[in-house]
């Protein structure tokens, strides 16, 4: 993954899909910011506005300055790996 990319993971406690994404990121030594939506419907509202989903995990991959992001909202880890290494 390019050093100029920033990764943000939206997750919640007890989500095994979220744990899988965290494992993937850790295994590839990719630093990420975690935003927990636990008990916070406002954060789920944000996801709904941005991506049309209320579920997690959602991974945002973008530039270091935060000016642009690509959102990943499905559960295909191979697609996420491709996005991270693009």
PDB file of N, CA and C in Angstrom:
ATOM      1  N   UNK A   1       0.845  -1.181   0.000  1.00  0.00           N
ATOM      2  CA  UNK A   1       0.000   0.000   0.000  1.00  0.00           C
ATOM      3  C   UNK A   1       0.880   1.230   0.000  1.00  0.00           C
ATOM      4  N   UNK A   2       0.489   2.225  -0.716  1.00  0.00           N
ATOM      5  CA  UNK A   2       1.221   3.469  -0.774  1.00  0.00           C
ATOM      6  C   UNK A   2       1.219   4.148   0.590  1.00  0.00           C
ATOM      7  N   UNK A   3       2.360   4.764   0.928  1.00  0.00           N
ATOM      8  CA  UNK A   3       2.488   5.432   2.221  1.00  0.00           C
ATOM      9  C   UNK A   3       1.582   6.651   2.319  1.00  0.00           C
ATOM     10  N   UNK A   4       1.058   7.142   1.201  1.00  0.00           N
ATOM     11  CA  UNK A   4       0.228   8.339   1.225  1.00  0.00           C
ATOM     12  C   UNK A   4      -1.237   8.050   1.520  1.00  0.00           C
ATOM     13  N   UNK A   5      -1.588   6.784   1.669  1.00  0.00           N
ATOM     14  CA  UNK A   5      -2.985   6.442   1.925  1.00  0.00           C
ATOM     15  C   UNK A   5      -3.286   6.404   3.416  1.00  0.00           C
ATOM     16  N   UNK A   6      -4.490   6.811   3.747  1.00  0.00           N
ATOM     17  CA  UNK A   6      -4.980   6.750   5.115  1.00  0.00           C
ATOM     18  C   UNK A   6      -6.151   5.778   5.135  1.00  0.00           C
ATOM     19  N   UNK A   7      -6.218   4.943   6.177  1.00  0.00           N
ATOM     20  CA  UNK A   7      -7.274   3.938   6.277  1.00  0.00           C
ATOM     21  C   UNK A   7      -8.097   4.200   7.534  1.00  0.00           C
ATOM     22  N   UNK A   8      -9.407   4.226   7.366  1.00  0.00           N
ATOM     23  CA  UNK A   8     -10.338   4.397   8.480  1.00  0.00           C
ATOM     24  C   UNK A   8     -11.283   3.200   8.473  1.00  0.00           C
ATOM     25  N   UNK A   9     -11.379   2.531   9.608  1.00  0.00           N
ATOM     26  CA  UNK A   9     -12.279   1.389   9.764  1.00  0.00           C
ATOM     27  C   UNK A   9     -13.420   1.780  10.687  1.00  0.00           C
ATOM     28  N   UNK A  10     -14.635   1.627  10.205  1.00  0.00           N
ATOM     29  CA  UNK A  10     -15.834   1.802  11.021  1.00  0.00           C
ATOM     30  C   UNK A  10     -16.225   0.411  11.480  1.00  0.00           C
ATOM     31  N   UNK A  11     -16.343   0.210  12.787  1.00  0.00           N
ATOM     32  CA  UNK A  11     -16.586  -1.141  13.302  1.00  0.00           C
ATOM     33  C   UNK A  11     -17.425  -1.081  14.570  1.00  0.00           C
ATOM     34  N   UNK A  12     -17.711  -2.282  15.103  1.00  0.00           N
ATOM     35  CA  UNK A  12     -18.376  -2.360  16.404  1.00  0.00           C
ATOM     36  C   UNK A  12     -17.873  -3.595  17.136  1.00  0.00           C
ATOM     37  N   UNK A  13     -17.993  -3.572  18.434  1.00  0.00           N
ATOM     38  CA  UNK A  13     -17.591  -4.683  19.282  1.00  0.00           C
ATOM     39  C   UNK A  13     -18.433  -5.910  18.960  1.00  0.00           C
ATOM     40  N   UNK A  14     -17.783  -7.065  18.876  1.00  0.00           N
ATOM     41  CA  UNK A  14     -18.488  -8.316  18.651  1.00  0.00           C
ATOM     42  C   UNK A  14     -18.777  -8.631  17.193  1.00  0.00           C
ATOM     43  N   UNK A  15     -18.362  -7.790  16.284  1.00  0.00           N
ATOM     44  CA  UNK A  15     -18.586  -8.000  14.852  1.00  0.00           C
ATOM     45  C   UNK A  15     -17.446  -8.851  14.300  1.00  0.00           C
ATOM     46  N   UNK A  16     -17.753 -10.098  13.916  1.00  0.00           N
ATOM     47  CA  UNK A  16     -16.668 -10.961  13.444  1.00  0.00           C
ATOM     48  C   UNK A  16     -16.159 -10.531  12.075  1.00  0.00           C
ATOM     49  N   UNK A  17     -16.969  -9.885  11.265  1.00  0.00           N
ATOM     50  CA  UNK A  17     -16.475  -9.346   9.999  1.00  0.00           C
ATOM     51  C   UNK A  17     -15.484  -8.210  10.263  1.00  0.00           C
ATOM     52  N   UNK A  18     -15.783  -7.388  11.264  1.00  0.00           N
ATOM     53  CA  UNK A  18     -14.872  -6.304  11.643  1.00  0.00           C
ATOM     54  C   UNK A  18     -13.542  -6.875  12.121  1.00  0.00           C
ATOM     55  N   UNK A  19     -13.608  -7.934  12.908  1.00  0.00           N
ATOM     56  CA  UNK A  19     -12.387  -8.589  13.391  1.00  0.00           C
ATOM     57  C   UNK A  19     -11.564  -9.114  12.221  1.00  0.00           C
ATOM     58  N   UNK A  20     -12.223  -9.646  11.200  1.00  0.00           N
ATOM     59  CA  UNK A  20     -11.517 -10.126  10.017  1.00  0.00           C
ATOM     60  C   UNK A  20     -10.787  -9.012   9.292  1.00  0.00           C
ATOM     61  N   UNK A  21     -11.425  -7.852   9.194  1.00  0.00           N
ATOM     62  CA  UNK A  21     -10.786  -6.701   8.559  1.00  0.00           C
ATOM     63  C   UNK A  21      -9.596  -6.237   9.396  1.00  0.00           C
ATOM     64  N   UNK A  22      -9.769  -6.169  10.713  1.00  0.00           N
ATOM     65  CA  UNK A  22      -8.659  -5.775  11.589  1.00  0.00           C
ATOM     66  C   UNK A  22      -7.488  -6.733  11.436  1.00  0.00           C
ATOM     67  N   UNK A  23      -7.765  -8.032  11.361  1.00  0.00           N
ATOM     68  CA  UNK A  23      -6.708  -9.025  11.160  1.00  0.00           C
ATOM     69  C   UNK A  23      -5.993  -8.797   9.834  1.00  0.00           C
ATOM     70  N   UNK A  24      -6.751  -8.566   8.776  1.00  0.00           N
ATOM     71  CA  UNK A  24      -6.150  -8.323   7.467  1.00  0.00           C
ATOM     72  C   UNK A  24      -5.232  -7.110   7.511  1.00  0.00           C
ATOM     73  N   UNK A  25      -5.711  -6.020   8.098  1.00  0.00           N
ATOM     74  CA  UNK A  25      -4.903  -4.803   8.180  1.00  0.00           C
ATOM     75  C   UNK A  25      -3.645  -5.035   9.006  1.00  0.00           C
ATOM     76  N   UNK A  26      -3.784  -5.707  10.128  1.00  0.00           N
ATOM     77  CA  UNK A  26      -2.628  -5.996  10.983  1.00  0.00           C
ATOM     78  C   UNK A  26      -1.631  -6.905  10.282  1.00  0.00           C
ATOM     79  N   UNK A  27      -2.124  -7.937   9.598  1.00  0.00           N
ATOM     80  CA  UNK A  27      -1.242  -8.876   8.903  1.00  0.00           C
ATOM     81  C   UNK A  27      -0.443  -8.210   7.794  1.00  0.00           C
ATOM     82  N   UNK A  28      -0.978  -7.122   7.237  1.00  0.00           N
ATOM     83  CA  UNK A  28      -0.283  -6.379   6.182  1.00  0.00           C
ATOM     84  C   UNK A  28       0.416  -5.131   6.740  1.00  0.00           C
ATOM     85  N   UNK A  29       0.484  -5.022   8.072  1.00  0.00           N
ATOM     86  CA  UNK A  29       1.133  -3.881   8.731  1.00  0.00           C
ATOM     87  C   UNK A  29       0.582  -2.545   8.234  1.00  0.00           C
ATOM     88  N   UNK A  30      -0.724  -2.474   8.106  1.00  0.00           N
ATOM     89  CA  UNK A  30      -1.383  -1.254   7.650  1.00  0.00           C
ATOM     90  C   UNK A  30      -1.993  -0.555   8.859  1.00  0.00           C
ATOM     91  N   UNK A  31      -1.511   0.646   9.118  1.00  0.00           N
ATOM     92  CA  UNK A  31      -2.051   1.443  10.224  1.00  0.00           C
ATOM     93  C   UNK A  31      -3.436   1.951   9.831  1.00  0.00           C
ATOM     94  N   UNK A  32      -4.319   2.033  10.811  1.00  0.00           N
ATOM     95  CA  UNK A  32      -5.670   2.507  10.529  1.00  0.00           C
ATOM     96  C   UNK A  32      -6.246   3.191  11.756  1.00  0.00           C
ATOM     97  N   UNK A  33      -7.201   4.068  11.502  1.00  0.00           N
ATOM     98  CA  UNK A  33      -7.989   4.694  12.566  1.00  0.00           C
ATOM     99  C   UNK A  33      -9.269   3.892  12.691  1.00  0.00           C
ATOM    100  N   UNK A  34      -9.644   3.542  13.906  1.00  0.00           N
ATOM    101  CA  UNK A  34     -10.876   2.794  14.135  1.00  0.00           C
ATOM    102  C   UNK A  34     -11.944   3.727  14.706  1.00  0.00           C
ATOM    103  N   UNK A  35     -13.097   3.726  14.073  1.00  0.00           N
ATOM    104  CA  UNK A  35     -14.248   4.473  14.581  1.00  0.00           C
ATOM    105  C   UNK A  35     -15.287   3.450  15.007  1.00  0.00           C
ATOM    106  N   UNK A  36     -15.542   3.382  16.296  1.00  0.00           N
ATOM    107  CA  UNK A  36     -16.512   2.429  16.827  1.00  0.00           C
ATOM    108  C   UNK A  36     -17.902   3.051  16.808  1.00  0.00           C
ATOM    109  N   UNK A  37     -18.854   2.320  16.227  1.00  0.00           N
ATOM    110  CA  UNK A  37     -20.235   2.802  16.178  1.00  0.00           C
ATOM    111  C   UNK A  37     -21.060   2.263  17.340  1.00  0.00           C
ATOM    112  N   UNK A  38     -20.410   1.580  18.283  1.00  0.00           N
ATOM    113  CA  UNK A  38     -21.114   1.000  19.433  1.00  0.00           C
ATOM    114  C   UNK A  38     -22.009   2.035  20.106  1.00  0.00           C
ATOM    115  N   UNK A  39     -23.309   1.767  20.122  1.00  0.00           N
ATOM    116  CA  UNK A  39     -24.252   2.619  20.846  1.00  0.00           C
ATOM    117  C   UNK A  39     -24.343   4.037  20.327  1.00  0.00           C
ATOM    118  N   UNK A  40     -23.968   4.266  19.073  1.00  0.00           N
ATOM    119  CA  UNK A  40     -23.977   5.626  18.553  1.00  0.00           C
ATOM    120  C   UNK A  40     -24.658   5.648  17.178  1.00  0.00           C
ATOM    121  N   UNK A  41     -25.963   5.803  17.189  1.00  0.00           N
ATOM    122  CA  UNK A  41     -26.726   5.812  15.941  1.00  0.00           C
ATOM    123  C   UNK A  41     -26.375   6.982  15.036  1.00  0.00           C
ATOM    124  N   UNK A  42     -25.861   8.063  15.604  1.00  0.00           N
ATOM    125  CA  UNK A  42     -25.463   9.204  14.781  1.00  0.00           C
ATOM    126  C   UNK A  42     -24.351   8.792  13.818  1.00  0.00           C
ATOM    127  N   UNK A  43     -23.419   7.958  14.293  1.00  0.00           N
ATOM    128  CA  UNK A  43     -22.349   7.489  13.408  1.00  0.00           C
ATOM    129  C   UNK A  43     -22.900   6.591  12.304  1.00  0.00           C
ATOM    130  N   UNK A  44     -23.891   5.783  12.628  1.00  0.00           N
ATOM    131  CA  UNK A  44     -24.535   4.962  11.587  1.00  0.00           C
ATOM    132  C   UNK A  44     -25.276   5.857  10.586  1.00  0.00           C
ATOM    133  N   UNK A  45     -25.832   6.968  11.075  1.00  0.00           N
ATOM    134  CA  UNK A  45     -26.462   7.936  10.175  1.00  0.00           C
ATOM    135  C   UNK A  45     -25.434   8.498   9.194  1.00  0.00           C
ATOM    136  N   UNK A  46     -24.234   8.760   9.685  1.00  0.00           N
ATOM    137  CA  UNK A  46     -23.154   9.257   8.822  1.00  0.00           C
ATOM    138  C   UNK A  46     -22.857   8.247   7.717  1.00  0.00           C
ATOM    139  N   UNK A  47     -22.750   6.969   8.091  1.00  0.00           N
ATOM    140  CA  UNK A  47     -22.496   5.924   7.093  1.00  0.00           C
ATOM    141  C   UNK A  47     -23.620   5.859   6.061  1.00  0.00           C
ATOM    142  N   UNK A  48     -24.849   6.032   6.531  1.00  0.00           N
ATOM    143  CA  UNK A  48     -25.989   5.973   5.621  1.00  0.00           C
ATOM    144  C   UNK A  48     -25.949   7.116   4.613  1.00  0.00           C
ATOM    145  N   UNK A  49     -25.588   8.300   5.075  1.00  0.00           N
ATOM    146  CA  UNK A  49     -25.502   9.452   4.178  1.00  0.00           C
ATOM    147  C   UNK A  49     -24.352   9.274   3.186  1.00  0.00           C
ATOM    148  N   UNK A  50     -23.202   8.820   3.679  1.00  0.00           N
ATOM    149  CA  UNK A  50     -22.019   8.705   2.824  1.00  0.00           C
ATOM    150  C   UNK A  50     -22.091   7.537   1.849  1.00  0.00           C
ATOM    151  N   UNK A  51     -22.580   6.382   2.320  1.00  0.00           N
ATOM    152  CA  UNK A  51     -22.471   5.153   1.536  1.00  0.00           C
ATOM    153  C   UNK A  51     -23.784   4.398   1.350  1.00  0.00           C
ATOM    154  N   UNK A  52     -24.856   4.872   1.959  1.00  0.00           N
ATOM    155  CA  UNK A  52     -26.138   4.201   1.812  1.00  0.00           C
ATOM    156  C   UNK A  52     -26.265   2.925   2.619  1.00  0.00           C
ATOM    157  N   UNK A  53     -25.430   2.758   3.636  1.00  0.00           N
ATOM    158  CA  UNK A  53     -25.480   1.568   4.498  1.00  0.00           C
ATOM    159  C   UNK A  53     -25.445   1.997   5.957  1.00  0.00           C
ATOM    160  N   UNK A  54     -25.967   1.141   6.817  1.00  0.00           N
ATOM    161  CA  UNK A  54     -25.888   1.380   8.260  1.00  0.00           C
ATOM    162  C   UNK A  54     -25.076   0.286   8.942  1.00  0.00           C
ATOM    163  N   UNK A  55     -24.603  -0.680   8.166  1.00  0.00           N
ATOM    164  CA  UNK A  55     -23.876  -1.815   8.737  1.00  0.00           C
ATOM    165  C   UNK A  55     -22.370  -1.548   8.766  1.00  0.00           C
ATOM    166  N   UNK A  56     -21.674  -2.333   9.539  1.00  0.00           N
ATOM    167  CA  UNK A  56     -20.219  -2.328   9.564  1.00  0.00           C
ATOM    168  C   UNK A  56     -19.744  -3.747   9.280  1.00  0.00           C
ATOM    169  N   UNK A  57     -18.538  -3.923   8.840  1.00  0.00           N
ATOM    170  CA  UNK A  57     -17.485  -2.924   8.691  1.00  0.00           C
ATOM    171  C   UNK A  57     -17.642  -2.086   7.422  1.00  0.00           C
ATOM    172  N   UNK A  58     -17.147  -0.877   7.531  1.00  0.00           N
ATOM    173  CA  UNK A  58     -16.934  -0.002   6.387  1.00  0.00           C
ATOM    174  C   UNK A  58     -15.483   0.443   6.486  1.00  0.00           C
ATOM    175  N   UNK A  59     -14.777   0.361   5.374  1.00  0.00           N
ATOM    176  CA  UNK A  59     -13.383   0.797   5.338  1.00  0.00           C
ATOM    177  C   UNK A  59     -13.288   1.939   4.341  1.00  0.00           C
ATOM    178  N   UNK A  60     -12.670   3.023   4.782  1.00  0.00           N
ATOM    179  CA  UNK A  60     -12.403   4.154   3.902  1.00  0.00           C
ATOM    180  C   UNK A  60     -10.901   4.194   3.648  1.00  0.00           C
ATOM    181  N   UNK A  61     -10.528   4.275   2.379  1.00  0.00           N
ATOM    182  CA  UNK A  61      -9.123   4.354   1.997  1.00  0.00           C
ATOM    183  C   UNK A  61      -8.946   5.657   1.240  1.00  0.00           C
ATOM    184  N   UNK A  62      -8.035   6.485   1.728  1.00  0.00           N
ATOM    185  CA  UNK A  62      -7.867   7.783   1.089  1.00  0.00           C
ATOM    186  C   UNK A  62      -6.481   8.343   1.216  1.00  0.00           C
ATOM    187  N   UNK A  63      -6.333   9.537   0.714  1.00  0.00           N
ATOM    188  CA  UNK A  63      -5.060  10.228   0.763  1.00  0.00           C
ATOM    189  C   UNK A  63      -4.739  10.650   2.193  1.00  0.00           C
ATOM    190  N   UNK A  64      -3.454  10.857   2.467  1.00  0.00           N
ATOM    191  CA  UNK A  64      -3.012  11.210   3.818  1.00  0.00           C
ATOM    192  C   UNK A  64      -3.628  12.521   4.295  1.00  0.00           C
ATOM    193  N   UNK A  65      -3.890  13.438   3.371  1.00  0.00           N
ATOM    194  CA  UNK A  65      -4.463  14.722   3.782  1.00  0.00           C
ATOM    195  C   UNK A  65      -5.978  14.665   3.958  1.00  0.00           C
ATOM    196  N   UNK A  66      -6.570  13.499   3.642  1.00  0.00           N
ATOM    197  CA  UNK A  66      -8.000  13.332   3.853  1.00  0.00           C
ATOM    198  C   UNK A  66      -8.875  14.022   2.829  1.00  0.00           C
ATOM    199  N   UNK A  67      -8.286  14.450   1.710  1.00  0.00           N
ATOM    200  CA  UNK A  67      -9.072  15.183   0.721  1.00  0.00           C
ATOM    201  C   UNK A  67      -9.979  14.291  -0.122  1.00  0.00           C
ATOM    202  N   UNK A  68      -9.654  12.995  -0.217  1.00  0.00           N
ATOM    203  CA  UNK A  68     -10.508  12.088  -0.987  1.00  0.00           C
ATOM    204  C   UNK A  68     -10.438  10.681  -0.411  1.00  0.00           C
ATOM    205  N   UNK A  69     -11.569  10.007  -0.423  1.00  0.00           N
ATOM    206  CA  UNK A  69     -11.669   8.650   0.123  1.00  0.00           C
ATOM    207  C   UNK A  69     -12.472   7.766  -0.814  1.00  0.00           C
ATOM    208  N   UNK A  70     -12.142   6.478  -0.792  1.00  0.00           N
ATOM    209  CA  UNK A  70     -12.934   5.455  -1.454  1.00  0.00           C
ATOM    210  C   UNK A  70     -13.486   4.575  -0.346  1.00  0.00           C
ATOM    211  N   UNK A  71     -14.776   4.341  -0.340  1.00  0.00           N
ATOM    212  CA  UNK A  71     -15.396   3.523   0.697  1.00  0.00           C
ATOM    213  C   UNK A  71     -15.590   2.091   0.243  1.00  0.00           C
ATOM    214  N   UNK A  72     -15.303   1.160   1.121  1.00  0.00           N
ATOM    215  CA  UNK A  72     -15.519  -0.278   0.887  1.00  0.00           C
ATOM    216  C   UNK A  72     -16.576  -0.722   1.873  1.00  0.00           C
ATOM    217  N   UNK A  73     -17.693  -1.249   1.344  1.00  0.00           N
ATOM    218  CA  UNK A  73     -18.826  -1.569   2.214  1.00  0.00           C
ATOM    219  C   UNK A  73     -19.281  -3.012   2.124  1.00  0.00           C
ATOM    220  N   UNK A  74     -18.578  -3.840   1.354  1.00  0.00           N
ATOM    221  CA  UNK A  74     -19.015  -5.230   1.253  1.00  0.00           C
ATOM    222  C   UNK A  74     -18.137  -6.122   2.128  1.00  0.00           C
ATOM    223  N   UNK A  75     -18.325  -7.412   2.052  1.00  0.00           N
ATOM    224  CA  UNK A  75     -17.621  -8.320   2.960  1.00  0.00           C
ATOM    225  C   UNK A  75     -16.579  -9.171   2.244  1.00  0.00           C
ATOM    226  N   UNK A  76     -16.173  -8.776   1.043  1.00  0.00           N
ATOM    227  CA  UNK A  76     -15.190  -9.517   0.269  1.00  0.00           C
ATOM    228  C   UNK A  76     -13.794  -8.994   0.590  1.00  0.00           C
ATOM    229  N   UNK A  77     -13.049  -9.732   1.412  1.00  0.00           N
ATOM    230  CA  UNK A  77     -11.729  -9.283   1.847  1.00  0.00           C
ATOM    231  C   UNK A  77     -10.729  -9.216   0.698  1.00  0.00           C
ATOM    232  N   UNK A  78     -10.903 -10.040  -0.325  1.00  0.00           N
ATOM    233  CA  UNK A  78     -10.009  -9.978  -1.487  1.00  0.00           C
ATOM    234  C   UNK A  78     -10.157  -8.637  -2.204  1.00  0.00           C
ATOM    235  N   UNK A  79     -11.385  -8.149  -2.314  1.00  0.00           N
ATOM    236  CA  UNK A  79     -11.609  -6.837  -2.920  1.00  0.00           C
ATOM    237  C   UNK A  79     -10.980  -5.737  -2.074  1.00  0.00           C
ATOM    238  N   UNK A  80     -11.062  -5.870  -0.760  1.00  0.00           N
ATOM    239  CA  UNK A  80     -10.442  -4.883   0.119  1.00  0.00           C
ATOM    240  C   UNK A  80      -8.931  -4.879  -0.077  1.00  0.00           C
ATOM    241  N   UNK A  81      -8.317  -6.047  -0.152  1.00  0.00           N
ATOM    242  CA  UNK A  81      -6.868  -6.115  -0.384  1.00  0.00           C
ATOM    243  C   UNK A  81      -6.494  -5.415  -1.684  1.00  0.00           C
ATOM    244  N   UNK A  82      -7.271  -5.633  -2.728  1.00  0.00           N
ATOM    245  CA  UNK A  82      -7.009  -4.976  -4.011  1.00  0.00           C
ATOM    246  C   UNK A  82      -7.093  -3.467  -3.861  1.00  0.00           C
ATOM    247  N   UNK A  83      -8.103  -2.977  -3.166  1.00  0.00           N
ATOM    248  CA  UNK A  83      -8.267  -1.543  -2.937  1.00  0.00           C
ATOM    249  C   UNK A  83      -7.088  -0.977  -2.148  1.00  0.00           C
ATOM    250  N   UNK A  84      -6.653  -1.686  -1.132  1.00  0.00           N
ATOM    251  CA  UNK A  84      -5.552  -1.210  -0.296  1.00  0.00           C
ATOM    252  C   UNK A  84      -4.240  -1.126  -1.063  1.00  0.00           C
ATOM    253  N   UNK A  85      -4.050  -2.011  -2.028  1.00  0.00           N
ATOM    254  CA  UNK A  85      -2.778  -2.065  -2.746  1.00  0.00           C
ATOM    255  C   UNK A  85      -2.823  -1.363  -4.099  1.00  0.00           C
ATOM    256  N   UNK A  86      -3.938  -0.701  -4.384  1.00  0.00           N
ATOM    257  CA  UNK A  86      -4.074  -0.006  -5.679  1.00  0.00           C
ATOM    258  C   UNK A  86      -3.220   1.247  -5.708  1.00  0.00           C
TER     259      UNK A  86
END
